[in-house]
Protein backbone atom coordinates (compact mmCIF):
# COMPACT_ATOMS: atom_id res chain seq x y z
CA MET A 1 -11.38 5.69 -11.88
CA MET A 2 -8.29 6.96 -13.62
CA LEU A 3 -8.90 4.68 -16.57
CA GLU A 4 -12.51 5.84 -16.76
CA ARG A 5 -11.40 9.46 -16.71
CA VAL A 6 -8.82 9.10 -19.40
CA MET A 7 -10.70 6.79 -21.72
CA THR A 8 -13.81 9.00 -21.66
CA SER A 9 -12.28 12.43 -22.01
CA THR A 10 -8.53 12.89 -22.01
CA SER A 11 -6.94 9.69 -23.29
CA ARG A 12 -5.24 11.50 -26.12
CA GLN A 13 -3.16 13.49 -23.62
CA TRP A 14 -1.45 10.62 -21.81
CA LYS A 15 2.20 9.88 -22.57
CA THR A 16 5.29 8.92 -20.69
CA ALA A 17 6.03 10.51 -17.36
CA THR A 18 9.29 11.96 -16.09
CA SER A 19 10.47 13.80 -12.94
CA ARG A 20 10.89 13.62 -9.17
CA ILE A 21 11.70 10.88 -6.73
CA ALA A 22 10.02 9.13 -3.81
CA ILE A 23 11.47 6.89 -1.16
CA ALA A 24 10.72 3.26 -0.49
CA ALA A 25 11.67 1.81 2.85
CA THR A 26 11.99 -1.85 3.76
CA PHE A 27 11.14 -3.12 7.16
CA VAL A 28 12.51 -6.19 8.97
CA LEU A 29 10.50 -8.12 11.49
CA ALA A 30 12.19 -10.04 14.27
CA SER A 31 10.88 -12.01 17.22
CA ALA A 32 12.46 -13.77 20.16
CA ALA A 33 11.19 -16.12 22.77
CA CYS A 34 12.65 -17.35 25.98
CA GLY A 35 11.55 -19.70 28.72
CA SER A 36 12.72 -21.22 31.96
CA ASP A 37 11.98 -24.28 34.04
CA GLU A 38 11.91 -24.39 37.79
CA SER A 39 11.81 -27.44 39.99
CA GLY A 40 11.93 -28.18 43.69
CA ILE A 41 12.42 -31.29 45.84
CA ASP A 42 10.76 -31.77 49.19
CA VAL A 43 13.19 -32.57 52.02
CA ASP A 44 12.48 -34.30 55.29
CA SER A 45 14.23 -31.88 57.61
CA THR A 46 13.59 -34.07 60.63
CA ALA A 47 15.79 -36.95 59.48
CA PRO A 48 18.58 -37.74 61.98
CA ALA A 49 22.04 -36.58 60.98
CA SER A 50 23.45 -40.12 61.39
CA GLU A 51 21.19 -41.43 58.60
CA THR A 52 22.62 -39.00 56.07
CA ALA A 53 26.22 -38.63 57.13
CA ASP A 54 27.72 -41.22 54.72
CA GLU A 55 25.45 -40.71 51.68
CA PRO A 56 25.68 -38.07 48.94
CA VAL A 57 23.26 -35.21 49.16
CA ALA A 58 21.34 -33.88 46.12
CA THR A 59 20.95 -30.15 45.77
CA ASP A 60 18.40 -28.51 43.49
CA GLU A 61 18.64 -25.09 41.76
CA ALA A 62 16.92 -23.36 44.65
CA GLY A 63 19.47 -24.69 47.14
CA ALA A 64 17.20 -27.32 48.78
CA THR A 65 18.67 -30.78 49.54
CA SER A 66 17.26 -34.27 49.28
CA GLN A 67 18.55 -37.82 49.41
CA PRO A 68 17.48 -41.00 47.66
CA SER A 69 15.52 -43.41 49.81
CA ASP A 70 16.03 -46.52 47.72
CA ASP A 71 18.43 -47.57 44.95
CA ASN A 72 15.68 -49.29 42.97
CA ASP A 73 13.50 -46.22 43.12
CA VAL A 74 16.33 -44.14 41.72
CA ALA A 75 16.88 -46.57 38.87
CA ASP A 76 13.18 -46.64 38.01
CA ASP A 77 12.94 -42.86 38.08
CA THR A 78 15.99 -42.52 35.84
CA THR A 79 14.58 -45.00 33.35
CA ASP A 80 11.34 -43.04 33.15
CA VAL A 81 13.17 -39.79 32.52
CA GLU A 82 15.37 -41.35 29.86
CA ALA A 83 12.35 -42.83 28.13
CA GLU A 84 10.55 -39.53 28.13
CA THR A 85 13.63 -37.79 26.80
CA VAL A 86 13.90 -40.17 23.86
CA VAL A 87 10.26 -39.57 22.91
CA ASP A 88 10.46 -35.78 23.23
CA SER A 89 13.68 -35.47 21.21
CA GLU A 90 12.45 -37.54 18.27
CA PRO A 91 12.58 -35.20 15.21
CA PRO A 92 9.36 -34.63 13.24
CA SER A 93 8.96 -36.56 10.04
CA GLU A 94 9.63 -34.84 6.74
CA SER A 95 5.93 -34.67 5.91
CA GLU A 96 5.16 -33.16 9.32
CA ALA A 97 7.86 -30.51 8.85
CA GLU A 98 6.53 -29.61 5.41
CA SER A 99 3.00 -29.40 6.79
CA ASP A 100 4.11 -27.04 9.58
CA SER A 101 6.00 -24.88 7.08
CA ASP A 102 3.03 -24.68 4.72
CA SER A 103 0.75 -23.76 7.60
CA GLU A 104 3.01 -20.93 8.71
CA SER A 105 3.32 -19.40 5.21
CA ALA A 106 -0.34 -19.78 4.18
CA ILE A 107 -2.40 -16.58 4.03
CA SER A 108 -6.15 -16.05 4.25
CA PHE A 109 -8.04 -12.76 4.31
CA VAL A 110 -11.12 -10.98 2.96
CA ASP A 111 -10.60 -8.24 0.38
CA HIS A 112 -12.55 -4.99 -0.05
CA ILE A 113 -15.49 -6.52 -1.94
CA GLY A 114 -15.85 -9.46 0.46
CA SER A 115 -13.97 -12.12 -1.48
CA THR A 116 -12.05 -14.61 0.66
CA ILE A 117 -8.48 -14.96 -0.59
CA GLU A 118 -6.64 -18.14 0.39
CA LEU A 119 -3.12 -18.91 -0.80
CA ASP A 120 -0.51 -21.43 0.31
CA ALA A 121 2.06 -18.62 0.56
CA PRO A 122 2.41 -14.92 -0.28
CA PRO A 123 2.32 -14.59 -4.08
CA GLU A 124 5.48 -14.14 -6.10
CA ARG A 125 3.81 -13.43 -9.45
CA VAL A 126 1.25 -10.62 -9.28
CA VAL A 127 -0.42 -8.76 -12.15
CA THR A 128 -2.14 -5.41 -11.52
CA LEU A 129 -5.00 -4.28 -13.75
CA SER A 130 -3.79 -0.66 -13.67
CA SER A 131 -0.58 1.17 -12.84
CA PHE A 132 -1.84 3.58 -10.21
CA GLN A 133 -3.30 2.93 -6.75
CA ASP A 134 -2.99 -0.84 -7.03
CA LEU A 135 0.63 -0.74 -8.18
CA ASP A 136 1.57 1.84 -5.53
CA SER A 137 -0.03 -0.17 -2.73
CA LEU A 138 1.90 -3.29 -3.67
CA LEU A 139 5.22 -1.45 -3.99
CA ALA A 140 4.70 0.06 -0.53
CA VAL A 141 4.76 -3.43 1.02
CA GLY A 142 7.60 -4.77 -1.11
CA ILE A 143 5.70 -6.56 -3.88
CA VAL A 144 6.85 -5.75 -7.43
CA PRO A 145 4.32 -7.08 -9.96
CA ILE A 146 5.52 -9.04 -12.96
CA ALA A 147 3.09 -7.13 -15.20
CA VAL A 148 0.72 -4.15 -15.10
CA PHE A 149 -1.87 -2.59 -17.36
CA GLY A 150 -1.16 1.04 -18.16
CA PHE A 151 -0.71 3.81 -20.71
CA ALA A 152 3.04 4.01 -20.35
CA ASP A 153 5.98 2.88 -18.25
CA PRO A 154 5.78 3.30 -14.47
CA LEU A 155 6.16 6.85 -13.20
CA PRO A 156 9.52 8.09 -11.88
CA TYR A 157 8.58 7.72 -8.19
CA GLN A 158 7.41 4.17 -8.88
CA LEU A 159 10.62 3.31 -10.71
CA ASP A 160 12.64 4.66 -7.79
CA VAL A 161 10.89 2.26 -5.41
CA ILE A 162 11.26 -0.68 -7.80
CA GLN A 163 14.97 0.03 -8.09
CA ALA A 164 15.32 0.33 -4.30
CA LEU A 165 13.70 -3.09 -3.97
CA GLY A 166 16.29 -4.54 -6.36
CA ALA A 167 13.69 -5.64 -8.90
CA GLU A 168 13.04 -5.22 -12.61
CA PRO A 169 10.18 -2.98 -13.82
CA PRO A 170 7.01 -4.90 -14.64
CA GLN A 171 5.93 -5.71 -18.15
CA VAL A 172 3.32 -3.18 -19.33
CA PHE A 173 0.21 -4.24 -21.24
CA PRO A 174 -1.89 -1.51 -22.89
CA TYR A 175 -5.43 -0.98 -21.67
CA GLY A 176 -8.11 -2.64 -23.73
CA ASP A 177 -8.91 -6.25 -24.44
CA PRO A 178 -6.63 -8.30 -22.17
CA PRO A 179 -4.13 -10.55 -23.97
CA ILE A 180 -5.32 -13.72 -22.26
CA GLU A 181 -2.73 -16.05 -23.76
CA ALA A 182 0.16 -13.73 -22.92
CA LEU A 183 -1.09 -13.31 -19.36
CA ALA A 184 -1.61 -17.04 -18.92
CA ALA A 185 1.96 -17.63 -20.08
CA LEU A 186 3.17 -15.46 -17.18
CA GLU A 187 1.56 -17.95 -14.76
CA PRO A 188 0.33 -15.29 -12.30
CA ASP A 189 -0.51 -16.23 -8.73
CA VAL A 190 -2.87 -13.28 -8.24
CA PHE A 191 -4.52 -10.40 -10.09
CA PHE A 192 -4.75 -7.15 -8.11
CA THR A 193 -6.81 -4.01 -8.72
CA TYR A 194 -9.11 -1.42 -7.12
CA GLN A 195 -12.89 -1.25 -6.90
CA ASN A 196 -14.83 -0.08 -9.95
CA PHE A 197 -12.03 -1.43 -12.10
CA GLU A 198 -12.53 -5.10 -11.39
CA THR A 199 -14.59 -5.41 -14.59
CA ALA A 200 -11.23 -5.46 -16.38
CA PHE A 201 -10.87 -8.96 -14.90
CA GLU A 202 -13.63 -10.27 -17.16
CA GLY A 203 -12.23 -12.93 -19.44
CA LEU A 204 -9.27 -13.62 -17.16
CA GLU A 205 -11.05 -16.00 -14.78
CA GLY A 206 -9.96 -19.00 -16.81
CA ILE A 207 -6.30 -18.37 -16.00
CA GLY A 208 -6.99 -19.68 -12.51
CA ALA A 209 -5.50 -16.87 -10.42
CA PRO A 210 -7.80 -15.11 -7.92
CA LEU A 211 -8.60 -11.38 -8.08
CA VAL A 212 -7.84 -9.22 -5.03
CA VAL A 213 -9.71 -5.90 -4.89
CA ILE A 214 -8.78 -2.83 -2.83
CA PRO A 215 -10.96 0.30 -2.42
CA ASP A 216 -10.72 3.06 -5.04
CA GLY A 217 -9.78 5.61 -2.40
CA GLY A 218 -8.29 5.72 1.08
CA PHE A 219 -4.63 4.77 1.10
CA ALA A 220 -4.76 3.14 4.55
CA GLU A 221 -7.22 0.41 3.57
CA GLN A 222 -5.47 -0.08 0.24
CA VAL A 223 -2.15 -0.70 1.96
CA ARG A 224 -3.72 -2.86 4.67
CA ILE A 225 -5.05 -5.31 2.08
CA ALA A 226 -1.77 -5.26 0.13
CA ALA A 227 0.09 -6.06 3.36
CA LEU A 228 -2.23 -9.00 4.04
CA LEU A 229 -1.44 -10.31 0.58
CA ALA A 230 2.28 -9.92 1.30
CA GLY A 231 1.89 -11.72 4.63
CA ASP A 232 3.47 -8.73 6.37
CA GLU A 233 0.88 -6.69 8.26
CA ARG A 234 3.49 -4.83 10.31
CA ARG A 235 5.11 -3.46 7.17
CA GLY A 236 1.75 -2.14 6.05
CA ASP A 237 1.10 -0.56 9.45
CA GLU A 238 4.46 1.20 9.35
CA ALA A 239 3.89 2.56 5.83
CA ILE A 240 0.48 3.87 6.85
CA ALA A 241 1.79 5.46 10.05
CA ASP A 242 4.69 7.16 8.25
CA LEU A 243 2.43 8.70 5.64
CA GLN A 244 -0.22 9.74 8.14
CA ALA A 245 2.47 11.54 10.12
CA SER A 246 3.37 13.54 6.99
CA ILE A 247 -0.29 14.42 6.44
CA ASP A 248 -0.71 15.49 10.06
CA ALA A 249 2.38 17.67 9.81
CA PHE A 250 1.06 19.56 6.77
CA ASP A 251 0.46 23.22 7.61
CA ALA A 252 -2.18 24.98 5.52
CA GLY A 253 -1.92 28.14 7.59
CA ASP A 254 -4.55 30.07 9.53
CA ALA A 255 -6.36 31.31 6.42
CA PRO A 256 -5.57 28.83 3.63
CA PRO A 257 -6.49 29.75 0.05
CA THR A 258 -9.18 27.93 -1.87
CA LEU A 259 -8.11 26.23 -5.05
CA SER A 260 -9.34 24.91 -8.34
CA VAL A 261 -7.68 22.12 -10.30
CA ALA A 262 -8.18 21.90 -14.03
CA SER A 263 -6.68 20.76 -17.33
CA PRO A 264 -7.80 22.61 -20.49
CA ASP A 265 -8.45 21.02 -23.86
CA ALA A 266 -8.55 23.86 -26.34
CA THR A 267 -9.19 21.52 -29.25
CA ALA A 268 -12.36 20.15 -27.68
CA GLY A 269 -13.35 23.50 -26.20
CA THR A 270 -13.60 22.07 -22.69
CA ILE A 271 -11.68 22.07 -19.45
CA PHE A 272 -11.35 19.03 -17.20
CA ALA A 273 -11.87 19.99 -13.55
CA LEU A 274 -11.74 18.27 -10.17
CA HIS A 275 -14.64 18.53 -7.75
CA ASP A 276 -15.80 17.37 -4.33
CA GLY A 277 -15.93 13.61 -3.93
CA THR A 278 -12.77 12.89 -5.89
CA VAL A 279 -9.73 11.28 -4.28
CA ALA A 280 -7.83 14.58 -4.57
CA ALA A 281 -10.62 16.55 -2.91
CA ASP A 282 -10.83 14.09 -0.02
CA LEU A 283 -7.14 14.52 0.69
CA LEU A 284 -7.39 18.29 0.44
CA GLY A 285 -10.13 18.27 3.05
CA GLU A 286 -7.89 16.30 5.39
CA LEU A 287 -5.14 18.88 4.83
CA GLY A 288 -7.47 21.76 5.68
CA LEU A 289 -7.83 22.93 2.08
CA GLU A 290 -10.98 23.42 0.01
CA ILE A 291 -11.38 22.62 -3.65
CA VAL A 292 -13.73 24.82 -5.71
CA GLY A 293 -15.13 23.22 -8.82
CA PRO A 294 -18.25 22.07 -10.64
CA PRO A 295 -20.96 20.08 -8.84
CA ALA A 296 -20.04 16.45 -8.29
CA PRO A 297 -21.82 14.02 -10.63
CA ASP A 298 -23.24 10.72 -9.50
CA GLY A 299 -20.77 7.88 -9.12
CA PHE A 300 -17.07 7.88 -8.46
CA ASN A 301 -14.72 9.57 -10.89
CA PHE A 302 -11.61 11.72 -10.99
CA GLY A 303 -13.20 14.84 -12.47
CA ILE A 304 -15.62 16.20 -15.02
CA GLU A 305 -15.44 18.15 -18.25
CA ILE A 306 -17.05 21.58 -18.27
CA SER A 307 -17.47 24.18 -20.97
CA LEU A 308 -15.00 27.02 -21.36
CA GLU A 309 -18.02 29.29 -21.28
CA THR A 310 -18.85 28.35 -17.68
CA MET A 311 -15.36 27.93 -16.25
CA GLY A 312 -15.28 31.49 -14.90
CA GLU A 313 -18.36 30.73 -12.81
CA GLU A 314 -17.35 27.26 -11.63
CA LEU A 315 -13.57 27.48 -11.16
CA THR A 316 -13.33 30.37 -8.72
CA GLY A 317 -10.58 29.19 -6.40
CA ASP A 318 -7.91 31.60 -5.16
CA VAL A 319 -5.27 29.46 -6.90
CA LEU A 320 -5.50 27.40 -10.08
CA ALA A 321 -3.41 24.22 -10.25
CA VAL A 322 -3.04 23.16 -13.89
CA THR A 323 -2.75 19.41 -14.46
CA GLN A 324 -1.35 17.96 -17.66
CA TYR A 325 -0.68 14.50 -19.00
CA SER A 326 1.50 15.22 -22.02
CA SER A 327 4.46 17.38 -22.94
CA GLU A 328 2.17 20.23 -23.98
CA ASP A 329 2.56 23.32 -21.76
CA LEU A 330 -1.05 23.80 -20.71
CA ALA A 331 -0.23 26.37 -18.04
CA GLN A 332 1.33 28.62 -20.69
CA ILE A 333 -1.73 28.21 -22.88
CA ILE A 334 -3.95 29.32 -19.98
CA THR A 335 -1.90 32.36 -19.10
CA ASP A 336 -1.50 33.47 -22.76
CA ASP A 337 -5.10 33.05 -23.88
CA PRO A 338 -7.42 35.90 -22.74
CA LEU A 339 -10.30 33.44 -22.72
CA TYR A 340 -9.00 31.89 -19.50
CA GLN A 341 -8.84 35.24 -17.75
CA ALA A 342 -12.45 34.56 -16.77
CA MET A 343 -11.05 32.46 -13.94
CA PRO A 344 -10.16 34.71 -10.96
CA ALA A 345 -6.90 32.88 -10.22
CA VAL A 346 -5.68 33.35 -13.79
CA ALA A 347 -6.57 37.04 -13.75
CA ALA A 348 -4.65 37.44 -10.48
CA GLY A 349 -1.61 35.55 -11.77
CA ARG A 350 -1.95 32.71 -9.25
CA VAL A 351 -1.44 29.75 -11.56
CA VAL A 352 0.60 26.71 -10.44
CA PRO A 353 1.66 24.41 -13.32
CA LEU A 354 2.08 20.72 -12.51
CA THR A 355 4.31 18.15 -14.18
CA VAL A 356 2.93 14.92 -15.60
CA GLU A 357 4.06 12.99 -12.54
CA GLU A 358 2.55 15.54 -10.16
CA SER A 359 -0.74 15.44 -12.09
CA PHE A 360 -0.95 11.68 -11.70
CA ALA A 361 0.05 11.99 -8.04
CA ILE A 362 -2.78 14.32 -7.00
CA ASP A 363 -5.32 12.35 -9.03
CA THR A 364 -4.54 9.00 -7.43
CA ALA A 365 -3.54 10.08 -3.90
CA SER A 366 -2.06 6.66 -3.15
CA VAL A 367 0.43 5.67 -0.45
CA LEU A 368 3.38 6.49 -2.72
CA SER A 369 1.99 9.36 -4.81
CA LEU A 370 0.83 11.27 -1.73
CA ALA A 371 4.41 12.24 -0.95
CA VAL A 372 4.54 14.00 -4.33
CA ALA A 373 1.02 15.43 -3.89
CA LEU A 374 1.91 17.00 -0.54
CA ASP A 375 4.74 18.92 -2.22
CA VAL A 376 2.25 20.18 -4.81
CA TRP A 377 -0.21 21.43 -2.21
CA GLU A 378 2.58 23.20 -0.32
CA ARG A 379 3.34 25.17 -3.49
CA VAL A 380 -0.32 25.93 -3.96
CA VAL A 381 -0.66 27.29 -0.42
CA GLU A 382 2.46 29.39 -0.91
CA ALA A 383 1.08 30.80 -4.19
CA GLY A 384 -2.19 31.70 -2.52
CA THR A 385 -0.66 33.45 0.48
CA SER A 386 2.26 35.27 -1.10
């Protein structure tokens, strides 16, 4: 995953992120119920008029009439009704009310790796084991973690959502050996992360909070599980539907350009490139775009390092999107250094530089970052068709 990518090849490039905004919406659920009672009373229509002339007549809601046949019967009937009314109106005991409330707020679901999660109520104190797909999925359903693991502070689009939710940014712990005592002091209800990163939970089991795992790709399933944790499935459905509508509306054109995505490391003499099978490539396929890069290695990852000597043969897209994770201007390095002219897009002047935030956004392709990623791919299409 992102951690794996950075820690194995480009960790020295990561710093704080700045730029752009994204929107977080809140949804309100409401329900109403209504009911009605109907009753009718049989009437002996053959009774002589003289037998009913001096006695009051009862009329029901439907307009039918009836008359009492015996005073004692009326008294007995009234007593029964009053008795029933007393029983029905008796308020529940305090323990019964608490039990009903607990039952209504309790949540139970199965996460992505098959673990059954059971909590008395939606959690209020959540810790994410990274600051990417897991954090974004929680923010999309209104959960702001109390702490995250990450390289830096949350990205600008994440901070915008946190602010819109009226919350404080989470505490950030650096990746590495988890500070068990510090985490235990936070008294978390739940740990939350994505698949292939759950090994970061090792050593934290003793804190007593369960681990919820989402998939490492596919924003819809990620948000669905986050919404189950929040106890608000409708909010998750709405977030998924809104984003899917934006994806469906994306127009790649009749003859969209191919593209390569890479981040050079001149010091190491390599270039980090995306390929088929990555989260970014999966999204591009859904948008009608094709990524051109090195062969995909076994296992899930966000990209692979290739030699500068082979980049001209492997990165042959019509447009080159240059990702970067520091303040260094990598796009300028590529355009100025003749070595990179081996890539067709560079030779043709079709290079699209990305900001730090945009680079993270296309890598993770989460429910929140996809809004930023779609803007990036629109620029790429424009660069390839102009």
